Amino acid sequence: MNTIKRYKLFSALVIIILHAVLWQYGEGWIISMGEKYSALLTGKPLNQIQLFDYDGIPVQSYRAYGIQYNPLFIAVQAKKDFDNEPRNIKRFLKLSDWLVDNAEIGDSTLWLPYRFDLPGYNLKAPWQSGLAQSVVLTVFVRRHQIEPGGKWMELAAKALNTIKPESHLVLKMEDGGLWFMEYPSSVDPYVLNGMMSVLLELDFYYKQSGNIEAKELFDRGFESLVSNLDKFDYHGFSYYGIRKQKAGRNYHQKHIRQLLELAAVKPHPKLEYYQKRWQSRDQYPVLVQLVFNPRPRRIMVFWISLLLPLLIMWLGFSVKPKASLRIVPFTLAL
């Protein structure tokens, strides 16, 4: 085997190993970069990316819906600005004000409507999300910590009223439990990450306010989650919605984290079982995951991201002179 062929083989091996490591531990970063470069090159992301408007308010750039204000992502950013160090209190105040300014506030309710259609779920604007309502609820609790004695706990209580059993955002289960809908639609009302997020937000609100209704909502929702958790399992991987869309790896890993967080609030054998089961599958080599959890787009991106650098490497070697390389020995003077 000549020197050029050895260099080709060595380079290909390095690319394959680096690709495997990146996908195993940085798949989320790869997908994020893919979204950004798609938006940069084509003007549209593969799915969605977050931007900021001129006032510093987060906006979502969707491939299918254009640029939209999404109450959930604005509330989530407000939480991050308050919780993460270093804190960005200035933007937190601006975002929590935005939530109030854009809310529909009644005598006993506070709604954050979505102003764009969501055809995939048959939702027409304006529509609301149980998940967004619950995150907005805890943003107001955080604002109260800065400005106690003001309007913020009253606004939080109005947001809580929108995710009570009589709300169109809540499904009453046959066993007496409750299911909080991220998308109030018959298309896929049972979204796992949305449901677990609402429970965690309710627990936070209860611990900060002592509101017994929030505790009761958590308990009934927790009961429903435990009863239905089996339906989200796909051979050790997880579904995004009940037996419908298989979760991408980012959401699968989010499910694992949420199970851990919920188990810390209220331990249950089923939470521990699925946390460990799903964690073990996530530790499989990505190539094995593609076999046991085939998702066409993920498979396509995986192979493109491997074959493209291999092709570039091969082309790079092909344009070099065919003369054999001379390896010149050298010594390092100390």
Protein backbone atom coordinates (compact mmCIF):
# COMPACT_ATOMS: atom_id res chain seq x y z
CA MET A 1 0.00 0.00 0.00
CA ASN A 2 1.55 3.31 -1.07
CA THR A 3 1.79 6.41 1.09
CA ILE A 4 -1.17 8.21 -0.53
CA LYS A 5 -3.46 5.26 0.08
CA ARG A 6 -2.34 5.02 3.70
CA TYR A 7 -3.07 8.73 4.21
CA LYS A 8 -6.51 8.30 2.60
CA LEU A 9 -7.31 5.35 4.83
CA PHE A 10 -6.06 7.13 7.94
CA SER A 11 -8.01 10.31 7.09
CA ALA A 12 -11.20 8.36 6.40
CA LEU A 13 -10.82 6.53 9.72
CA VAL A 14 -10.37 9.82 11.59
CA ILE A 15 -13.45 11.31 9.91
CA ILE A 16 -15.55 8.24 10.76
CA ILE A 17 -14.45 8.25 14.40
CA LEU A 18 -14.97 12.00 14.85
CA HIS A 19 -18.36 11.77 13.14
CA ALA A 20 -19.43 8.95 15.48
CA VAL A 21 -18.31 10.88 18.58
CA LEU A 22 -20.01 14.10 17.45
CA TRP A 23 -23.29 12.35 16.79
CA GLN A 24 -23.15 10.39 20.03
CA TYR A 25 -22.55 13.39 22.27
CA GLY A 26 -23.42 16.43 20.17
CA GLU A 27 -26.36 15.49 17.98
CA GLY A 28 -28.40 18.38 19.34
CA TRP A 29 -25.62 20.80 18.39
CA ILE A 30 -25.42 19.29 14.89
CA ILE A 31 -29.17 19.74 14.38
CA SER A 32 -28.97 23.30 15.72
CA MET A 33 -26.15 24.13 13.31
CA GLY A 34 -28.15 22.58 10.48
CA GLU A 35 -31.08 24.85 11.31
CA LYS A 36 -28.88 27.95 11.35
CA TYR A 37 -27.00 27.18 8.14
CA SER A 38 -30.24 26.30 6.37
CA ALA A 39 -31.66 29.69 7.38
CA LEU A 40 -28.45 31.41 6.30
CA LEU A 41 -28.22 29.70 2.90
CA THR A 42 -31.88 29.37 1.92
CA GLY A 43 -33.58 32.02 4.05
CA LYS A 44 -35.56 29.34 5.89
CA PRO A 45 -34.62 26.97 8.74
CA LEU A 46 -35.16 23.22 8.42
CA ASN A 47 -37.83 23.52 11.09
CA GLN A 48 -37.48 26.60 13.30
CA ILE A 49 -34.90 28.84 14.94
CA GLN A 50 -35.15 31.58 17.54
CA LEU A 51 -34.33 35.17 16.66
CA PHE A 52 -34.86 38.49 18.46
CA ASP A 53 -36.73 41.52 17.21
CA TYR A 54 -35.46 45.10 17.49
CA ASP A 55 -36.79 45.36 21.06
CA GLY A 56 -35.07 42.16 22.18
CA ILE A 57 -38.25 40.06 22.17
CA PRO A 58 -37.75 36.45 20.99
CA VAL A 59 -39.42 35.52 17.72
CA GLN A 60 -39.56 32.11 16.08
CA SER A 61 -38.61 31.81 12.44
CA TYR A 62 -40.60 28.82 11.14
CA ARG A 63 -40.05 27.17 7.82
CA ALA A 64 -43.79 26.70 7.37
CA TYR A 65 -45.24 29.76 9.17
CA GLY A 66 -42.67 32.52 8.75
CA ILE A 67 -41.63 34.75 11.66
CA GLN A 68 -44.04 34.66 14.60
CA TYR A 69 -44.23 35.66 18.24
CA ASN A 70 -44.68 32.46 20.24
CA PRO A 71 -45.84 33.06 23.85
CA LEU A 72 -44.24 29.83 25.05
CA PHE A 73 -40.74 30.67 23.82
CA ILE A 74 -41.01 34.21 25.15
CA ALA A 75 -42.01 32.89 28.58
CA VAL A 76 -39.26 30.25 28.49
CA GLN A 77 -36.66 32.93 27.66
CA ALA A 78 -37.96 35.02 30.55
CA LYS A 79 -37.47 32.05 32.89
CA LYS A 80 -33.91 31.55 31.64
CA ASP A 81 -33.12 35.24 32.08
CA PHE A 82 -34.31 35.04 35.70
CA ASP A 83 -32.90 31.64 36.67
CA ASN A 84 -29.58 31.38 34.83
CA GLU A 85 -26.40 33.08 35.94
CA PRO A 86 -25.55 35.73 35.09
CA ARG A 87 -29.13 36.93 35.33
CA ASN A 88 -30.55 39.26 32.72
CA ILE A 89 -33.12 41.02 34.89
CA LYS A 90 -33.53 43.89 32.46
CA ARG A 91 -34.71 41.57 29.69
CA PHE A 92 -36.73 39.48 32.16
CA LEU A 93 -38.71 42.58 33.10
CA LYS A 94 -39.23 43.45 29.44
CA LEU A 95 -40.42 39.95 28.54
CA SER A 96 -42.76 39.60 31.51
CA ASP A 97 -44.22 43.01 30.63
CA TRP A 98 -44.67 41.81 27.04
CA LEU A 99 -46.62 38.79 28.27
CA VAL A 100 -49.03 41.01 30.18
CA ASP A 101 -49.35 43.55 27.38
CA ASN A 102 -50.23 40.80 24.89
CA ALA A 103 -52.52 38.81 27.16
CA GLU A 104 -56.29 38.70 27.07
CA ILE A 105 -57.21 39.41 30.70
CA GLY A 106 -60.67 38.83 32.08
CA ASP A 107 -62.20 38.92 35.54
CA SER A 108 -60.82 35.49 36.41
CA THR A 109 -58.63 34.39 33.47
CA LEU A 110 -55.51 35.42 31.62
CA TRP A 111 -54.88 33.95 28.16
CA LEU A 112 -51.80 34.24 25.96
CA PRO A 113 -53.16 33.57 22.46
CA TYR A 114 -51.19 32.33 19.48
CA ARG A 115 -51.73 34.67 16.53
CA PHE A 116 -50.90 32.22 13.74
CA ASP A 117 -52.59 29.08 12.43
CA LEU A 118 -51.17 25.62 13.10
CA PRO A 119 -52.59 23.52 10.23
CA GLY A 120 -50.88 20.33 11.34
CA TYR A 121 -53.02 20.36 14.47
CA ASN A 122 -56.10 21.94 12.84
CA LEU A 123 -55.70 24.99 15.08
CA LYS A 124 -56.89 28.39 13.84
CA ALA A 125 -55.68 31.66 15.34
CA PRO A 126 -56.27 32.67 18.02
CA TRP A 127 -55.63 29.50 19.99
CA GLN A 128 -54.04 28.74 23.35
CA SER A 129 -51.64 26.15 24.75
CA GLY A 130 -51.80 24.52 28.16
CA LEU A 131 -48.01 24.41 28.21
CA ALA A 132 -47.63 28.12 27.43
CA GLN A 133 -50.22 29.02 30.07
CA SER A 134 -48.34 27.08 32.74
CA VAL A 135 -44.96 28.66 31.93
CA VAL A 136 -46.49 32.15 31.89
CA LEU A 137 -47.93 31.32 35.31
CA THR A 138 -44.47 30.76 36.81
CA VAL A 139 -42.96 33.77 35.03
CA PHE A 140 -45.43 35.91 36.98
CA VAL A 141 -44.42 34.14 40.20
CA ARG A 142 -40.80 35.06 39.49
CA ARG A 143 -41.79 38.67 38.78
CA HIS A 144 -43.52 38.70 42.16
CA GLN A 145 -40.19 37.83 43.80
CA ILE A 146 -38.81 41.10 42.44
CA GLU A 147 -41.96 43.16 43.02
CA PRO A 148 -43.83 41.63 45.97
CA GLY A 149 -47.19 43.04 46.90
CA GLY A 150 -48.05 43.99 43.33
CA LYS A 151 -50.36 42.51 40.73
CA TRP A 152 -48.25 39.52 39.77
CA MET A 153 -49.69 36.80 42.01
CA GLU A 154 -53.19 37.90 40.99
CA LEU A 155 -52.20 37.53 37.34
CA ALA A 156 -50.64 34.14 38.13
CA ALA A 157 -53.90 32.98 39.72
CA LYS A 158 -55.79 34.03 36.59
CA ALA A 159 -53.36 32.02 34.46
CA LEU A 160 -53.87 29.02 36.74
CA ASN A 161 -57.63 29.22 36.15
CA THR A 162 -57.05 28.49 32.45
CA ILE A 163 -55.65 25.01 33.16
CA LYS A 164 -58.31 23.82 35.58
CA PRO A 165 -60.58 20.86 34.71
CA GLU A 166 -63.30 22.99 33.09
CA SER A 167 -60.80 24.50 30.62
CA HIS A 168 -60.69 23.47 26.96
CA LEU A 169 -56.96 22.92 27.50
CA VAL A 170 -57.57 20.01 29.89
CA LEU A 171 -58.83 16.51 29.20
CA LYS A 172 -60.66 14.65 31.94
CA MET A 173 -59.52 11.03 31.91
CA GLU A 174 -61.73 8.07 32.72
CA ASP A 175 -59.71 7.26 35.83
CA GLY A 176 -60.31 10.73 37.25
CA GLY A 177 -56.94 12.06 36.21
CA LEU A 178 -56.27 15.13 34.09
CA TRP A 179 -54.25 15.57 30.91
CA PHE A 180 -52.94 19.06 30.18
CA MET A 181 -52.77 19.67 26.44
CA GLU A 182 -49.92 21.48 24.78
CA TYR A 183 -52.08 21.50 21.62
CA PRO A 184 -55.86 21.50 22.28
CA SER A 185 -56.60 19.41 19.21
CA SER A 186 -57.88 15.94 18.41
CA VAL A 187 -54.86 15.47 16.11
CA ASP A 188 -52.44 14.81 18.97
CA PRO A 189 -53.69 16.03 22.37
CA TYR A 190 -51.34 13.77 24.33
CA VAL A 191 -47.89 15.36 24.02
CA LEU A 192 -45.50 13.89 26.58
CA ASN A 193 -42.98 16.70 27.07
CA GLY A 194 -45.78 19.26 27.23
CA MET A 195 -47.64 17.28 29.88
CA MET A 196 -44.59 16.75 32.08
CA SER A 197 -43.61 20.41 31.73
CA VAL A 198 -47.03 21.54 32.96
CA LEU A 199 -46.71 19.27 36.00
CA LEU A 200 -43.30 20.73 36.85
CA GLU A 201 -44.62 24.28 36.47
CA LEU A 202 -47.58 23.45 38.74
CA ASP A 203 -45.21 22.05 41.36
CA PHE A 204 -43.08 25.21 41.22
CA TYR A 205 -46.17 27.42 41.58
CA TYR A 206 -47.49 25.37 44.51
CA LYS A 207 -44.18 25.56 46.37
CA GLN A 208 -43.97 29.33 45.86
CA SER A 209 -47.60 30.17 46.57
CA GLY A 210 -48.98 27.37 48.74
CA ASN A 211 -52.04 27.28 46.46
CA ILE A 212 -53.74 23.97 47.29
CA GLU A 213 -55.59 23.92 43.94
CA ALA A 214 -52.25 23.78 42.14
CA LYS A 215 -51.27 20.78 44.29
CA GLU A 216 -54.54 19.03 43.44
CA LEU A 217 -54.04 19.72 39.72
CA PHE A 218 -50.52 18.31 39.95
CA ASP A 219 -51.70 15.16 41.72
CA ARG A 220 -54.48 14.46 39.21
CA GLY A 221 -52.16 15.15 36.30
CA PHE A 222 -49.43 12.98 37.82
CA GLU A 223 -51.93 10.13 38.17
CA SER A 224 -52.84 10.43 34.50
CA LEU A 225 -49.20 10.59 33.41
CA VAL A 226 -48.30 7.41 35.30
CA SER A 227 -51.35 5.61 33.90
CA ASN A 228 -50.46 6.48 30.31
CA LEU A 229 -46.67 6.39 30.37
CA ASP A 230 -46.52 2.88 28.85
CA LYS A 231 -48.16 4.22 25.70
CA PHE A 232 -45.21 6.50 25.01
CA ASP A 233 -42.66 3.67 24.83
CA TYR A 234 -41.32 2.51 21.47
CA HIS A 235 -38.94 -0.41 22.02
CA GLY A 236 -37.11 1.57 24.68
CA PHE A 237 -37.29 4.85 22.78
CA SER A 238 -40.07 7.38 23.32
CA TYR A 239 -42.95 8.83 21.39
CA TYR A 240 -43.58 12.57 21.17
CA GLY A 241 -47.33 11.89 21.26
CA ILE A 242 -49.12 8.69 22.19
CA ARG A 243 -48.08 6.03 19.65
CA LYS A 244 -47.82 8.58 16.88
CA GLN A 245 -44.68 10.58 16.17
CA LYS A 246 -41.45 9.06 17.46
CA ALA A 247 -39.49 11.58 19.50
CA GLY A 248 -36.35 13.08 18.04
CA ARG A 249 -33.26 12.65 20.15
CA ASN A 250 -33.51 16.12 21.69
CA TYR A 251 -37.04 15.39 22.84
CA HIS A 252 -36.12 11.85 23.92
CA GLN A 253 -33.36 13.26 26.13
CA LYS A 254 -35.77 15.91 27.41
CA HIS A 255 -38.23 13.16 28.39
CA ILE A 256 -35.46 11.49 30.38
CA ARG A 257 -34.60 14.71 32.22
CA GLN A 258 -38.25 15.45 32.97
CA LEU A 259 -38.80 11.96 34.40
CA LEU A 260 -35.84 12.56 36.73
CA GLU A 261 -37.23 15.95 37.79
CA LEU A 262 -40.71 14.55 38.42
CA ALA A 263 -39.31 11.60 40.37
CA ALA A 264 -37.54 14.09 42.63
CA VAL A 265 -40.91 15.74 43.29
CA LYS A 266 -42.95 12.55 43.67
CA PRO A 267 -41.11 9.22 43.35
CA HIS A 268 -42.85 6.42 41.48
CA PRO A 269 -41.51 3.07 40.23
CA LYS A 270 -42.82 3.64 36.71
CA LEU A 271 -40.99 6.97 36.40
CA GLU A 272 -37.76 5.29 37.47
CA TYR A 273 -38.32 2.34 35.14
CA TYR A 274 -38.82 4.43 32.00
CA GLN A 275 -36.10 6.90 32.91
CA LYS A 276 -33.58 4.07 33.08
CA ARG A 277 -35.00 2.24 30.05
CA TRP A 278 -34.97 5.32 27.83
CA GLN A 279 -31.57 6.40 29.14
CA SER A 280 -30.06 3.02 28.26
CA ARG A 281 -31.35 3.25 24.67
CA ASP A 282 -30.02 6.78 24.32
CA GLN A 283 -26.57 5.43 25.17
CA TYR A 284 -26.63 3.03 22.22
CA PRO A 285 -24.26 4.05 19.40
CA VAL A 286 -26.19 6.33 17.06
CA LEU A 287 -25.78 3.88 14.17
CA VAL A 288 -27.54 1.24 16.28
CA GLN A 289 -30.25 3.74 17.22
CA LEU A 290 -30.93 4.33 13.53
CA VAL A 291 -31.71 0.62 13.16
CA PHE A 292 -33.95 0.21 16.21
CA ASN A 293 -35.54 3.66 16.00
CA PRO A 294 -35.60 4.49 12.27
CA ARG A 295 -36.59 8.05 11.46
CA PRO A 296 -36.06 8.89 7.77
CA ARG A 297 -34.91 12.50 8.17
CA ARG A 298 -32.46 11.60 10.92
CA ILE A 299 -31.03 8.76 8.83
CA MET A 300 -30.65 11.07 5.85
CA VAL A 301 -28.85 13.80 7.83
CA PHE A 302 -26.61 11.23 9.53
CA TRP A 303 -25.35 9.78 6.25
CA ILE A 304 -25.04 13.14 4.50
CA SER A 305 -22.97 14.49 7.40
CA LEU A 306 -20.66 11.48 7.10
CA LEU A 307 -20.39 11.12 3.33
CA LEU A 308 -19.86 14.83 2.63
CA PRO A 309 -16.56 15.17 4.55
CA LEU A 310 -15.41 11.82 3.15
CA LEU A 311 -16.11 13.11 -0.36
CA ILE A 312 -14.28 16.37 0.32
CA MET A 313 -11.33 14.41 1.71
CA TRP A 314 -11.25 12.11 -1.34
CA LEU A 315 -11.40 15.09 -3.73
CA GLY A 316 -8.64 16.79 -1.81
CA PHE A 317 -6.33 13.83 -2.25
CA SER A 318 -7.30 13.36 -5.89
CA VAL A 319 -6.03 16.80 -6.94
CA LYS A 320 -2.63 16.32 -5.38
CA PRO A 321 0.38 15.26 -7.54
CA LYS A 322 0.64 11.54 -8.01
CA ALA A 323 4.31 11.53 -7.13
CA SER A 324 5.00 9.66 -3.95
CA LEU A 325 5.50 11.70 -0.83
CA ARG A 326 8.92 11.76 0.80
CA ILE A 327 8.90 11.52 4.56
CA VAL A 328 11.85 13.59 5.79
CA PRO A 329 13.06 12.57 9.23
CA PHE A 330 14.00 15.29 11.67
CA THR A 331 15.36 15.62 15.14
CA LEU A 332 14.28 18.02 17.83
CA ALA A 333 17.16 19.82 19.48
CA LEU A 334 16.71 20.21 23.17
